[in-house]
Amino acid sequence: MPRNKYPEETVQKIIETSLKLFLEKGYEQTTVLDIVANLGGLTRGAFYHHFKSKEEVLEAIFSARVNEYNPFEAAMGAKVANGLERLKLSLKAALMDNISTEQDTAMTQFAFSLMLNPRFLQEKLKGDINTAAMLTPIVEEGMKDGSIRPGNPKIIAELFMLLANIWLMPSIFPADYEETLEKARLIAEIMESVGCPILDEEMREIFEKVISIIDKYDQEYSKK
Protein backbone atom coordinates (compact mmCIF):
# COMPACT_ATOMS: atom_id res chain seq x y z
CA MET A 1 0.00 0.00 0.00
CA PRO A 2 1.47 3.40 -0.92
CA ARG A 3 2.56 5.67 1.91
CA ASN A 4 -0.01 8.25 2.92
CA LYS A 5 1.37 11.68 2.05
CA TYR A 6 -1.14 13.47 4.30
CA PRO A 7 -1.47 11.50 7.56
CA GLU A 8 -2.76 14.52 9.50
CA GLU A 9 -5.66 14.91 7.05
CA THR A 10 -6.47 11.21 7.35
CA VAL A 11 -6.50 11.37 11.15
CA GLN A 12 -8.73 14.45 11.06
CA LYS A 13 -11.12 12.76 8.63
CA ILE A 14 -11.36 9.69 10.87
CA ILE A 15 -12.01 11.85 13.93
CA GLU A 16 -14.67 13.99 12.22
CA THR A 17 -16.43 10.97 10.70
CA SER A 18 -16.37 9.06 13.98
CA LEU A 19 -17.74 12.01 15.94
CA LYS A 20 -20.60 12.45 13.47
CA LEU A 21 -21.52 8.77 13.81
CA PHE A 22 -21.14 8.76 17.60
CA LEU A 23 -23.54 11.68 17.85
CA GLU A 24 -26.03 10.24 15.35
CA LYS A 25 -26.01 6.54 16.28
CA GLY A 26 -24.52 6.51 19.75
CA TYR A 27 -21.07 5.36 20.75
CA GLU A 28 -21.98 1.76 21.65
CA GLN A 29 -23.96 1.31 18.41
CA THR A 30 -21.13 2.56 16.16
CA THR A 31 -18.59 0.02 14.92
CA VAL A 32 -15.22 0.45 13.26
CA LEU A 33 -16.82 -0.91 10.07
CA ASP A 34 -19.43 1.87 10.25
CA ILE A 35 -16.65 4.44 10.52
CA VAL A 36 -14.68 2.94 7.62
CA ALA A 37 -17.82 2.79 5.46
CA ASN A 38 -18.19 6.57 5.84
CA LEU A 39 -14.56 7.52 5.20
CA GLY A 40 -15.05 8.12 1.49
CA GLY A 41 -12.77 5.44 0.11
CA LEU A 42 -10.29 5.04 2.94
CA THR A 43 -9.73 1.43 3.93
CA ARG A 44 -9.95 -0.39 7.23
CA GLY A 45 -6.16 -0.66 7.03
CA ALA A 46 -5.92 3.14 6.92
CA PHE A 47 -8.07 3.34 10.04
CA TYR A 48 -5.97 0.82 11.97
CA HIS A 49 -2.77 2.50 10.82
CA HIS A 50 -3.73 5.49 12.97
CA PHE A 51 -6.04 4.03 15.65
CA LYS A 52 -6.14 0.66 17.37
CA SER A 53 -9.84 0.94 18.22
CA LYS A 54 -12.84 3.27 18.33
CA GLU A 55 -11.93 3.87 22.00
CA GLU A 56 -8.70 5.51 20.84
CA VAL A 57 -10.68 7.67 18.42
CA LEU A 58 -12.94 8.80 21.25
CA GLU A 59 -9.92 9.70 23.38
CA ALA A 60 -8.55 11.73 20.46
CA ILE A 61 -11.88 13.56 20.11
CA PHE A 62 -11.89 14.68 23.74
CA SER A 63 -8.17 15.50 23.68
CA ALA A 64 -8.74 17.71 20.65
CA ARG A 65 -11.52 19.59 22.49
CA VAL A 66 -9.31 20.17 25.51
CA ASN A 67 -6.39 21.35 23.39
CA GLU A 68 -8.61 23.63 21.29
CA TYR A 69 -9.49 25.86 24.24
CA ASN A 70 -8.54 25.63 27.90
CA PRO A 71 -10.69 28.09 29.92
CA PHE A 72 -8.50 27.68 32.99
CA GLU A 73 -5.33 28.66 31.16
CA ALA A 74 -7.16 31.57 29.54
CA ALA A 75 -8.42 32.75 32.94
CA MET A 76 -4.88 32.82 34.35
CA GLY A 77 -3.96 35.57 31.88
CA ALA A 78 -7.17 37.60 32.27
CA LYS A 79 -7.22 41.00 33.96
CA VAL A 80 -9.54 40.63 36.95
CA ALA A 81 -9.85 42.20 40.40
CA ASN A 82 -8.83 39.15 42.44
CA GLY A 83 -8.52 35.39 42.63
CA LEU A 84 -12.22 34.82 43.31
CA GLU A 85 -13.15 36.74 40.16
CA ARG A 86 -10.58 34.73 38.19
CA LEU A 87 -12.06 31.51 39.56
CA LYS A 88 -15.58 32.57 38.57
CA LEU A 89 -14.36 33.55 35.10
CA SER A 90 -12.70 30.17 34.52
CA LEU A 91 -15.70 28.17 35.72
CA LYS A 92 -18.19 30.23 33.70
CA ALA A 93 -16.06 29.73 30.58
CA ALA A 94 -15.80 26.00 31.24
CA LEU A 95 -19.58 25.69 31.69
CA MET A 96 -20.36 27.81 28.62
CA ASP A 97 -18.03 25.61 26.59
CA ASN A 98 -20.63 22.86 27.08
CA ILE A 99 -23.54 24.82 25.61
CA SER A 100 -22.15 27.53 23.32
CA THR A 101 -23.19 25.84 20.06
CA GLU A 102 -25.51 23.03 18.99
CA GLN A 103 -22.50 20.76 18.52
CA ASP A 104 -21.19 21.66 21.98
CA THR A 105 -24.59 20.76 23.44
CA ALA A 106 -24.64 17.50 21.48
CA MET A 107 -21.13 16.71 22.71
CA THR A 108 -22.21 17.39 26.30
CA GLN A 109 -25.18 15.04 25.99
CA PHE A 110 -22.92 12.49 24.32
CA ALA A 111 -20.43 12.75 27.20
CA PHE A 112 -23.26 12.16 29.70
CA SER A 113 -24.25 8.99 27.86
CA LEU A 114 -20.71 7.64 28.24
CA MET A 115 -20.91 7.87 32.03
CA LEU A 116 -22.88 4.62 31.99
CA ASN A 117 -19.68 2.95 30.76
CA PRO A 118 -17.32 2.22 33.71
CA ARG A 119 -14.24 2.81 31.56
CA PHE A 120 -15.28 6.31 30.56
CA LEU A 121 -16.53 7.11 34.05
CA GLN A 122 -12.99 6.34 35.19
CA GLU A 123 -11.59 8.63 32.49
CA LYS A 124 -13.99 11.38 33.62
CA LEU A 125 -12.72 11.05 37.18
CA LYS A 126 -9.15 11.42 35.92
CA GLY A 127 -10.20 14.54 34.02
CA ASP A 128 -11.89 15.97 37.11
CA ILE A 129 -8.70 15.42 39.13
CA ASN A 130 -6.71 17.27 36.47
CA THR A 131 -9.26 20.11 36.45
CA ALA A 132 -9.07 20.40 40.24
CA ALA A 133 -5.29 20.70 39.88
CA MET A 134 -5.77 23.60 37.43
CA LEU A 135 -8.23 25.31 39.78
CA THR A 136 -5.95 24.99 42.81
CA PRO A 137 -3.51 27.86 41.97
CA ILE A 138 -6.47 30.14 41.21
CA VAL A 139 -8.03 29.35 44.59
CA GLU A 140 -4.63 29.91 46.18
CA GLU A 141 -4.43 33.34 44.54
CA GLY A 142 -7.80 34.22 46.05
CA MET A 143 -6.68 33.12 49.48
CA LYS A 144 -3.57 35.29 49.22
CA ASP A 145 -5.47 38.42 48.15
CA GLY A 146 -8.27 37.88 50.67
CA SER A 147 -11.14 37.25 48.24
CA ILE A 148 -11.33 33.61 49.39
CA ARG A 149 -11.08 32.55 53.02
CA PRO A 150 -7.61 31.16 53.93
CA GLY A 151 -7.34 27.38 53.95
CA ASN A 152 -6.15 24.50 51.80
CA PRO A 153 -6.70 25.52 48.13
CA LYS A 154 -6.32 21.94 46.88
CA ILE A 155 -9.11 20.70 49.13
CA ILE A 156 -11.44 23.55 48.11
CA ALA A 157 -10.83 22.88 44.40
CA GLU A 158 -11.43 19.15 44.87
CA LEU A 159 -14.58 19.79 46.91
CA PHE A 160 -16.12 21.86 44.14
CA MET A 161 -15.25 19.30 41.44
CA LEU A 162 -16.69 16.49 43.56
CA LEU A 163 -19.95 18.33 44.12
CA ALA A 164 -20.41 19.91 40.70
CA ASN A 165 -19.10 17.14 38.45
CA ILE A 166 -20.01 13.99 40.36
CA TRP A 167 -22.90 14.71 42.73
CA LEU A 168 -24.80 16.63 40.04
CA MET A 169 -24.44 13.78 37.52
CA PRO A 170 -27.85 11.99 37.31
CA SER A 171 -26.26 8.88 35.81
CA ILE A 172 -24.32 8.52 39.08
CA PHE A 173 -26.82 9.97 41.58
CA PRO A 174 -30.29 9.78 39.94
CA ALA A 175 -32.32 12.98 40.32
CA ASP A 176 -34.99 14.85 38.38
CA TYR A 177 -34.69 18.46 37.19
CA GLU A 178 -36.01 20.06 40.40
CA GLU A 179 -33.83 17.89 42.61
CA THR A 180 -30.76 18.73 40.55
CA LEU A 181 -31.54 22.44 40.84
CA GLU A 182 -31.87 22.01 44.59
CA LYS A 183 -28.46 20.33 44.62
CA ALA A 184 -26.97 23.28 42.72
CA ARG A 185 -28.40 25.70 45.28
CA LEU A 186 -26.97 23.61 48.10
CA ILE A 187 -23.56 23.55 46.39
CA ALA A 188 -23.67 27.35 46.36
CA GLU A 189 -24.36 27.38 50.09
CA ILE A 190 -21.60 24.87 50.82
CA MET A 191 -19.00 26.79 48.84
CA GLU A 192 -20.02 30.03 50.52
CA SER A 193 -19.78 28.37 53.95
CA VAL A 194 -16.13 27.46 53.28
CA GLY A 195 -15.35 31.02 52.22
CA CYS A 196 -15.41 30.52 48.44
CA PRO A 197 -18.68 32.10 47.18
CA ILE A 198 -18.26 31.29 43.50
CA LEU A 199 -21.87 30.68 42.45
CA ASP A 200 -23.17 34.18 41.72
CA GLU A 201 -26.39 34.87 39.80
CA GLU A 202 -24.76 34.54 36.37
CA MET A 203 -23.16 31.21 37.36
CA ARG A 204 -26.52 29.92 38.62
CA GLU A 205 -28.15 30.79 35.29
CA ILE A 206 -25.44 28.93 33.37
CA PHE A 207 -25.78 25.98 35.74
CA GLU A 208 -29.52 25.90 35.11
CA LYS A 209 -28.92 25.74 31.34
CA VAL A 210 -26.48 22.87 31.74
CA ILE A 211 -28.86 21.09 34.14
CA SER A 212 -31.69 21.43 31.62
CA ILE A 213 -29.48 19.74 29.02
CA ILE A 214 -28.74 16.92 31.45
CA ASP A 215 -32.45 16.55 32.23
CA LYS A 216 -33.42 16.55 28.55
CA TYR A 217 -30.90 13.82 27.83
CA ASP A 218 -32.11 11.74 30.81
CA GLN A 219 -35.71 11.98 29.62
CA GLU A 220 -34.80 10.96 26.08
CA TYR A 221 -32.55 8.13 27.27
CA SER A 222 -35.22 6.74 29.63
CA LYS A 223 -37.57 6.31 26.64
CA LYS A 224 -35.09 4.08 24.80
C-alpha atoms as a PDB file:
ATOM      1  CA  MET A   1       0.000   0.000   0.000  1.00  0.00           C
ATOM      2  CA  PRO A   2       1.465   3.401  -0.922  1.00  0.00           C
ATOM      3  CA  ARG A   3       2.560   5.674   1.908  1.00  0.00           C
ATOM      4  CA  ASN A   4      -0.013   8.246   2.920  1.00  0.00           C
ATOM      5  CA  LYS A   5       1.375  11.677   2.047  1.00  0.00           C
ATOM      6  CA  TYR A   6      -1.136  13.473   4.296  1.00  0.00           C
ATOM      7  CA  PRO A   7      -1.475  11.498   7.562  1.00  0.00           C
ATOM      8  CA  GLU A   8      -2.762  14.518   9.500  1.00  0.00           C
ATOM      9  CA  GLU A   9      -5.658  14.911   7.050  1.00  0.00           C
ATOM     10  CA  THR A  10      -6.473  11.213   7.351  1.00  0.00           C
ATOM     11  CA  VAL A  11      -6.499  11.366  11.147  1.00  0.00           C
ATOM     12  CA  GLN A  12      -8.727  14.448  11.063  1.00  0.00           C
ATOM     13  CA  LYS A  13     -11.120  12.758   8.634  1.00  0.00           C
ATOM     14  CA  ILE A  14     -11.365   9.686  10.873  1.00  0.00           C
ATOM     15  CA  ILE A  15     -12.010  11.849  13.929  1.00  0.00           C
ATOM     16  CA  GLU A  16     -14.668  13.990  12.219  1.00  0.00           C
ATOM     17  CA  THR A  17     -16.428  10.972  10.696  1.00  0.00           C
ATOM     18  CA  SER A  18     -16.372   9.062  13.982  1.00  0.00           C
ATOM     19  CA  LEU A  19     -17.738  12.010  15.942  1.00  0.00           C
ATOM     20  CA  LYS A  20     -20.601  12.445  13.469  1.00  0.00           C
ATOM     21  CA  LEU A  21     -21.521   8.767  13.807  1.00  0.00           C
ATOM     22  CA  PHE A  22     -21.138   8.758  17.604  1.00  0.00           C
ATOM     23  CA  LEU A  23     -23.543  11.685  17.853  1.00  0.00           C
ATOM     24  CA  GLU A  24     -26.029  10.245  15.348  1.00  0.00           C
ATOM     25  CA  LYS A  25     -26.011   6.541  16.275  1.00  0.00           C
ATOM     26  CA  GLY A  26     -24.525   6.514  19.747  1.00  0.00           C
ATOM     27  CA  TYR A  27     -21.070   5.356  20.747  1.00  0.00           C
ATOM     28  CA  GLU A  28     -21.979   1.765  21.646  1.00  0.00           C
ATOM     29  CA  GLN A  29     -23.959   1.307  18.406  1.00  0.00           C
ATOM     30  CA  THR A  30     -21.135   2.564  16.163  1.00  0.00           C
ATOM     31  CA  THR A  31     -18.589   0.022  14.918  1.00  0.00           C
ATOM     32  CA  VAL A  32     -15.218   0.451  13.256  1.00  0.00           C
ATOM     33  CA  LEU A  33     -16.817  -0.915  10.069  1.00  0.00           C
ATOM     34  CA  ASP A  34     -19.429   1.871  10.253  1.00  0.00           C
ATOM     35  CA  ILE A  35     -16.647   4.437  10.524  1.00  0.00           C
ATOM     36  CA  VAL A  36     -14.681   2.940   7.622  1.00  0.00           C
ATOM     37  CA  ALA A  37     -17.818   2.795   5.457  1.00  0.00           C
ATOM     38  CA  ASN A  38     -18.189   6.570   5.838  1.00  0.00           C
ATOM     39  CA  LEU A  39     -14.557   7.517   5.195  1.00  0.00           C
ATOM     40  CA  GLY A  40     -15.053   8.118   1.489  1.00  0.00           C
ATOM     41  CA  GLY A  41     -12.769   5.436   0.106  1.00  0.00           C
ATOM     42  CA  LEU A  42     -10.290   5.036   2.941  1.00  0.00           C
ATOM     43  CA  THR A  43      -9.733   1.425   3.927  1.00  0.00           C
ATOM     44  CA  ARG A  44      -9.948  -0.386   7.233  1.00  0.00           C
ATOM     45  CA  GLY A  45      -6.160  -0.657   7.027  1.00  0.00           C
ATOM     46  CA  ALA A  46      -5.924   3.138   6.925  1.00  0.00           C
ATOM     47  CA  PHE A  47      -8.065   3.337  10.040  1.00  0.00           C
ATOM     48  CA  TYR A  48      -5.974   0.817  11.974  1.00  0.00           C
ATOM     49  CA  HIS A  49      -2.772   2.496  10.822  1.00  0.00           C
ATOM     50  CA  HIS A  50      -3.733   5.488  12.974  1.00  0.00           C
ATOM     51  CA  PHE A  51      -6.035   4.028  15.648  1.00  0.00           C
ATOM     52  CA  LYS A  52      -6.141   0.658  17.374  1.00  0.00           C
ATOM     53  CA  SER A  53      -9.838   0.944  18.219  1.00  0.00           C
ATOM     54  CA  LYS A  54     -12.837   3.270  18.326  1.00  0.00           C
ATOM     55  CA  GLU A  55     -11.932   3.868  21.996  1.00  0.00           C
ATOM     56  CA  GLU A  56      -8.700   5.512  20.840  1.00  0.00           C
ATOM     57  CA  VAL A  57     -10.681   7.668  18.418  1.00  0.00           C
ATOM     58  CA  LEU A  58     -12.938   8.799  21.253  1.00  0.00           C
ATOM     59  CA  GLU A  59      -9.921   9.700  23.383  1.00  0.00           C
ATOM     60  CA  ALA A  60      -8.546  11.726  20.457  1.00  0.00           C
ATOM     61  CA  ILE A  61     -11.877  13.564  20.110  1.00  0.00           C
ATOM     62  CA  PHE A  62     -11.893  14.676  23.739  1.00  0.00           C
ATOM     63  CA  SER A  63      -8.171  15.500  23.682  1.00  0.00           C
ATOM     64  CA  ALA A  64      -8.742  17.712  20.651  1.00  0.00           C
ATOM     65  CA  ARG A  65     -11.525  19.589  22.485  1.00  0.00           C
ATOM     66  CA  VAL A  66      -9.314  20.166  25.512  1.00  0.00           C
ATOM     67  CA  ASN A  67      -6.388  21.349  23.386  1.00  0.00           C
ATOM     68  CA  GLU A  68      -8.609  23.628  21.293  1.00  0.00           C
ATOM     69  CA  TYR A  69      -9.488  25.856  24.235  1.00  0.00           C
ATOM     70  CA  ASN A  70      -8.545  25.631  27.899  1.00  0.00           C
ATOM     71  CA  PRO A  71     -10.686  28.095  29.920  1.00  0.00           C
ATOM     72  CA  PHE A  72      -8.498  27.683  32.992  1.00  0.00           C
ATOM     73  CA  GLU A  73      -5.330  28.660  31.165  1.00  0.00           C
ATOM     74  CA  ALA A  74      -7.160  31.572  29.542  1.00  0.00           C
ATOM     75  CA  ALA A  75      -8.416  32.755  32.944  1.00  0.00           C
ATOM     76  CA  MET A  76      -4.880  32.819  34.353  1.00  0.00           C
ATOM     77  CA  GLY A  77      -3.963  35.572  31.883  1.00  0.00           C
ATOM     78  CA  ALA A  78      -7.165  37.602  32.266  1.00  0.00           C
ATOM     79  CA  LYS A  79      -7.225  41.002  33.955  1.00  0.00           C
ATOM     80  CA  VAL A  80      -9.537  40.632  36.950  1.00  0.00           C
ATOM     81  CA  ALA A  81      -9.846  42.198  40.396  1.00  0.00           C
ATOM     82  CA  ASN A  82      -8.832  39.153  42.437  1.00  0.00           C
ATOM     83  CA  GLY A  83      -8.518  35.386  42.626  1.00  0.00           C
ATOM     84  CA  LEU A  84     -12.222  34.821  43.308  1.00  0.00           C
ATOM     85  CA  GLU A  85     -13.153  36.743  40.156  1.00  0.00           C
ATOM     86  CA  ARG A  86     -10.579  34.733  38.189  1.00  0.00           C
ATOM     87  CA  LEU A  87     -12.064  31.507  39.558  1.00  0.00           C
ATOM     88  CA  LYS A  88     -15.578  32.573  38.573  1.00  0.00           C
ATOM     89  CA  LEU A  89     -14.361  33.549  35.100  1.00  0.00           C
ATOM     90  CA  SER A  90     -12.697  30.174  34.523  1.00  0.00           C
ATOM     91  CA  LEU A  91     -15.703  28.170  35.725  1.00  0.00           C
ATOM     92  CA  LYS A  92     -18.194  30.225  33.696  1.00  0.00           C
ATOM     93  CA  ALA A  93     -16.058  29.734  30.583  1.00  0.00           C
ATOM     94  CA  ALA A  94     -15.805  26.001  31.245  1.00  0.00           C
ATOM     95  CA  LEU A  95     -19.582  25.689  31.689  1.00  0.00           C
ATOM     96  CA  MET A  96     -20.359  27.806  28.616  1.00  0.00           C
ATOM     97  CA  ASP A  97     -18.025  25.607  26.587  1.00  0.00           C
ATOM     98  CA  ASN A  98     -20.634  22.864  27.085  1.00  0.00           C
ATOM     99  CA  ILE A  99     -23.538  24.820  25.614  1.00  0.00           C
ATOM    100  CA  SER A 100     -22.146  27.534  23.318  1.00  0.00           C
ATOM    101  CA  THR A 101     -23.194  25.843  20.060  1.00  0.00           C
ATOM    102  CA  GLU A 102     -25.510  23.034  18.988  1.00  0.00           C
ATOM    103  CA  GLN A 103     -22.497  20.760  18.517  1.00  0.00           C
ATOM    104  CA  ASP A 104     -21.186  21.657  21.984  1.00  0.00           C
ATOM    105  CA  THR A 105     -24.587  20.763  23.437  1.00  0.00           C
ATOM    106  CA  ALA A 106     -24.644  17.501  21.478  1.00  0.00           C
ATOM    107  CA  MET A 107     -21.131  16.706  22.709  1.00  0.00           C
ATOM    108  CA  THR A 108     -22.214  17.393  26.295  1.00  0.00           C
ATOM    109  CA  GLN A 109     -25.180  15.040  25.993  1.00  0.00           C
ATOM    110  CA  PHE A 110     -22.921  12.491  24.319  1.00  0.00           C
ATOM    111  CA  ALA A 111     -20.432  12.751  27.204  1.00  0.00           C
ATOM    112  CA  PHE A 112     -23.263  12.157  29.695  1.00  0.00           C
ATOM    113  CA  SER A 113     -24.249   8.991  27.861  1.00  0.00           C
ATOM    114  CA  LEU A 114     -20.714   7.637  28.245  1.00  0.00           C
ATOM    115  CA  MET A 115     -20.908   7.871  32.029  1.00  0.00           C
ATOM    116  CA  LEU A 116     -22.877   4.624  31.988  1.00  0.00           C
ATOM    117  CA  ASN A 117     -19.685   2.954  30.757  1.00  0.00           C
ATOM    118  CA  PRO A 118     -17.318   2.220  33.708  1.00  0.00           C
ATOM    119  CA  ARG A 119     -14.238   2.813  31.564  1.00  0.00           C
ATOM    120  CA  PHE A 120     -15.281   6.310  30.558  1.00  0.00           C
ATOM    121  CA  LEU A 121     -16.526   7.111  34.047  1.00  0.00           C
ATOM    122  CA  GLN A 122     -12.988   6.342  35.192  1.00  0.00           C
ATOM    123  CA  GLU A 123     -11.588   8.626  32.493  1.00  0.00           C
ATOM    124  CA  LYS A 124     -13.987  11.377  33.616  1.00  0.00           C
ATOM    125  CA  LEU A 125     -12.717  11.053  37.181  1.00  0.00           C
ATOM    126  CA  LYS A 126      -9.145  11.424  35.922  1.00  0.00           C
ATOM    127  CA  GLY A 127     -10.202  14.536  34.025  1.00  0.00           C
ATOM    128  CA  ASP A 128     -11.890  15.967  37.108  1.00  0.00           C
ATOM    129  CA  ILE A 129      -8.703  15.425  39.133  1.00  0.00           C
ATOM    130  CA  ASN A 130      -6.713  17.274  36.467  1.00  0.00           C
ATOM    131  CA  THR A 131      -9.258  20.111  36.449  1.00  0.00           C
ATOM    132  CA  ALA A 132      -9.070  20.402  40.240  1.00  0.00           C
ATOM    133  CA  ALA A 133      -5.295  20.702  39.883  1.00  0.00           C
ATOM    134  CA  MET A 134      -5.769  23.600  37.430  1.00  0.00           C
ATOM    135  CA  LEU A 135      -8.227  25.306  39.780  1.00  0.00           C
ATOM    136  CA  THR A 136      -5.948  24.993  42.812  1.00  0.00           C
ATOM    137  CA  PRO A 137      -3.514  27.861  41.975  1.00  0.00           C
ATOM    138  CA  ILE A 138      -6.469  30.139  41.207  1.00  0.00           C
ATOM    139  CA  VAL A 139      -8.033  29.354  44.588  1.00  0.00           C
ATOM    140  CA  GLU A 140      -4.627  29.910  46.185  1.00  0.00           C
ATOM    141  CA  GLU A 141      -4.428  33.339  44.542  1.00  0.00           C
ATOM    142  CA  GLY A 142      -7.802  34.217  46.047  1.00  0.00           C
ATOM    143  CA  MET A 143      -6.675  33.122  49.481  1.00  0.00           C
ATOM    144  CA  LYS A 144      -3.575  35.290  49.217  1.00  0.00           C
ATOM    145  CA  ASP A 145      -5.473  38.421  48.149  1.00  0.00           C
ATOM    146  CA  GLY A 146      -8.271  37.876  50.667  1.00  0.00           C
ATOM    147  CA  SER A 147     -11.145  37.254  48.236  1.00  0.00           C
ATOM    148  CA  ILE A 148     -11.327  33.607  49.391  1.00  0.00           C
ATOM    149  CA  ARG A 149     -11.081  32.546  53.023  1.00  0.00           C
ATOM    150  CA  PRO A 150      -7.612  31.157  53.934  1.00  0.00           C
ATOM    151  CA  GLY A 151      -7.338  27.381  53.951  1.00  0.00           C
ATOM    152  CA  ASN A 152      -6.151  24.500  51.799  1.00  0.00           C
ATOM    153  CA  PRO A 153      -6.695  25.520  48.132  1.00  0.00           C
ATOM    154  CA  LYS A 154      -6.320  21.942  46.880  1.00  0.00           C
ATOM    155  CA  ILE A 155      -9.113  20.702  49.127  1.00  0.00           C
ATOM    156  CA  ILE A 156     -11.441  23.555  48.115  1.00  0.00           C
ATOM    157  CA  ALA A 157     -10.829  22.877  44.405  1.00  0.00           C
ATOM    158  CA  GLU A 158     -11.425  19.152  44.867  1.00  0.00           C
ATOM    159  CA  LEU A 159     -14.580  19.785  46.913  1.00  0.00           C
ATOM    160  CA  PHE A 160     -16.120  21.857  44.136  1.00  0.00           C
ATOM    161  CA  MET A 161     -15.248  19.302  41.443  1.00  0.00           C
ATOM    162  CA  LEU A 162     -16.688  16.487  43.559  1.00  0.00           C
ATOM    163  CA  LEU A 163     -19.952  18.326  44.119  1.00  0.00           C
ATOM    164  CA  ALA A 164     -20.413  19.907  40.700  1.00  0.00           C
ATOM    165  CA  ASN A 165     -19.097  17.141  38.446  1.00  0.00           C
ATOM    166  CA  ILE A 166     -20.012  13.991  40.363  1.00  0.00           C
ATOM    167  CA  TRP A 167     -22.904  14.710  42.732  1.00  0.00           C
ATOM    168  CA  LEU A 168     -24.799  16.635  40.037  1.00  0.00           C
ATOM    169  CA  MET A 169     -24.443  13.780  37.518  1.00  0.00           C
ATOM    170  CA  PRO A 170     -27.851  11.990  37.311  1.00  0.00           C
ATOM    171  CA  SER A 171     -26.262   8.883  35.810  1.00  0.00           C
ATOM    172  CA  ILE A 172     -24.323   8.516  39.075  1.00  0.00           C
ATOM    173  CA  PHE A 173     -26.824   9.970  41.581  1.00  0.00           C
ATOM    174  CA  PRO A 174     -30.292   9.779  39.937  1.00  0.00           C
ATOM    175  CA  ALA A 175     -32.316  12.984  40.316  1.00  0.00           C
ATOM    176  CA  ASP A 176     -34.988  14.853  38.376  1.00  0.00           C
ATOM    177  CA  TYR A 177     -34.692  18.459  37.194  1.00  0.00           C
ATOM    178  CA  GLU A 178     -36.005  20.062  40.396  1.00  0.00           C
ATOM    179  CA  GLU A 179     -33.830  17.889  42.615  1.00  0.00           C
ATOM    180  CA  THR A 180     -30.763  18.727  40.549  1.00  0.00           C
ATOM    181  CA  LEU A 181     -31.540  22.445  40.840  1.00  0.00           C
ATOM    182  CA  GLU A 182     -31.875  22.007  44.593  1.00  0.00           C
ATOM    183  CA  LYS A 183     -28.457  20.328  44.624  1.00  0.00           C
ATOM    184  CA  ALA A 184     -26.969  23.279  42.718  1.00  0.00           C
ATOM    185  CA  ARG A 185     -28.397  25.701  45.281  1.00  0.00           C
ATOM    186  CA  LEU A 186     -26.966  23.607  48.100  1.00  0.00           C
ATOM    187  CA  ILE A 187     -23.561  23.553  46.391  1.00  0.00           C
ATOM    188  CA  ALA A 188     -23.669  27.354  46.355  1.00  0.00           C
ATOM    189  CA  GLU A 189     -24.364  27.376  50.087  1.00  0.00           C
ATOM    190  CA  ILE A 190     -21.600  24.866  50.821  1.00  0.00           C
ATOM    191  CA  MET A 191     -19.000  26.789  48.840  1.00  0.00           C
ATOM    192  CA  GLU A 192     -20.023  30.027  50.519  1.00  0.00           C
ATOM    193  CA  SER A 193     -19.780  28.366  53.945  1.00  0.00           C
ATOM    194  CA  VAL A 194     -16.130  27.463  53.277  1.00  0.00           C
ATOM    195  CA  GLY A 195     -15.350  31.018  52.216  1.00  0.00           C
ATOM    196  CA  CYS A 196     -15.414  30.519  48.441  1.00  0.00           C
ATOM    197  CA  PRO A 197     -18.679  32.096  47.181  1.00  0.00           C
ATOM    198  CA  ILE A 198     -18.260  31.288  43.496  1.00  0.00           C
ATOM    199  CA  LEU A 199     -21.867  30.685  42.446  1.00  0.00           C
ATOM    200  CA  ASP A 200     -23.170  34.183  41.720  1.00  0.00           C
ATOM    201  CA  GLU A 201     -26.394  34.869  39.796  1.00  0.00           C
ATOM    202  CA  GLU A 202     -24.757  34.537  36.370  1.00  0.00           C
ATOM    203  CA  MET A 203     -23.160  31.214  37.359  1.00  0.00           C
ATOM    204  CA  ARG A 204     -26.521  29.918  38.624  1.00  0.00           C
ATOM    205  CA  GLU A 205     -28.153  30.790  35.286  1.00  0.00           C
ATOM    206  CA  ILE A 206     -25.441  28.928  33.373  1.00  0.00           C
ATOM    207  CA  PHE A 207     -25.776  25.982  35.739  1.00  0.00           C
ATOM    208  CA  GLU A 208     -29.519  25.898  35.108  1.00  0.00           C
ATOM    209  CA  LYS A 209     -28.924  25.740  31.339  1.00  0.00           C
ATOM    210  CA  VAL A 210     -26.485  22.867  31.741  1.00  0.00           C
ATOM    211  CA  ILE A 211     -28.855  21.087  34.142  1.00  0.00           C
ATOM    212  CA  SER A 212     -31.694  21.431  31.620  1.00  0.00           C
ATOM    213  CA  ILE A 213     -29.484  19.740  29.020  1.00  0.00           C
ATOM    214  CA  ILE A 214     -28.740  16.920  31.453  1.00  0.00           C
ATOM    215  CA  ASP A 215     -32.453  16.548  32.232  1.00  0.00           C
ATOM    216  CA  LYS A 216     -33.421  16.550  28.545  1.00  0.00           C
ATOM    217  CA  TYR A 217     -30.897  13.822  27.833  1.00  0.00           C
ATOM    218  CA  ASP A 218     -32.105  11.744  30.807  1.00  0.00           C
ATOM    219  CA  GLN A 219     -35.709  11.982  29.623  1.00  0.00           C
ATOM    220  CA  GLU A 220     -34.797  10.960  26.081  1.00  0.00           C
ATOM    221  CA  TYR A 221     -32.549   8.133  27.267  1.00  0.00           C
ATOM    222  CA  SER A 222     -35.217   6.742  29.632  1.00  0.00           C
ATOM    223  CA  LYS A 223     -37.568   6.313  26.641  1.00  0.00           C
ATOM    224  CA  LYS A 224     -35.095   4.085  24.795  1.00  0.00           C
END
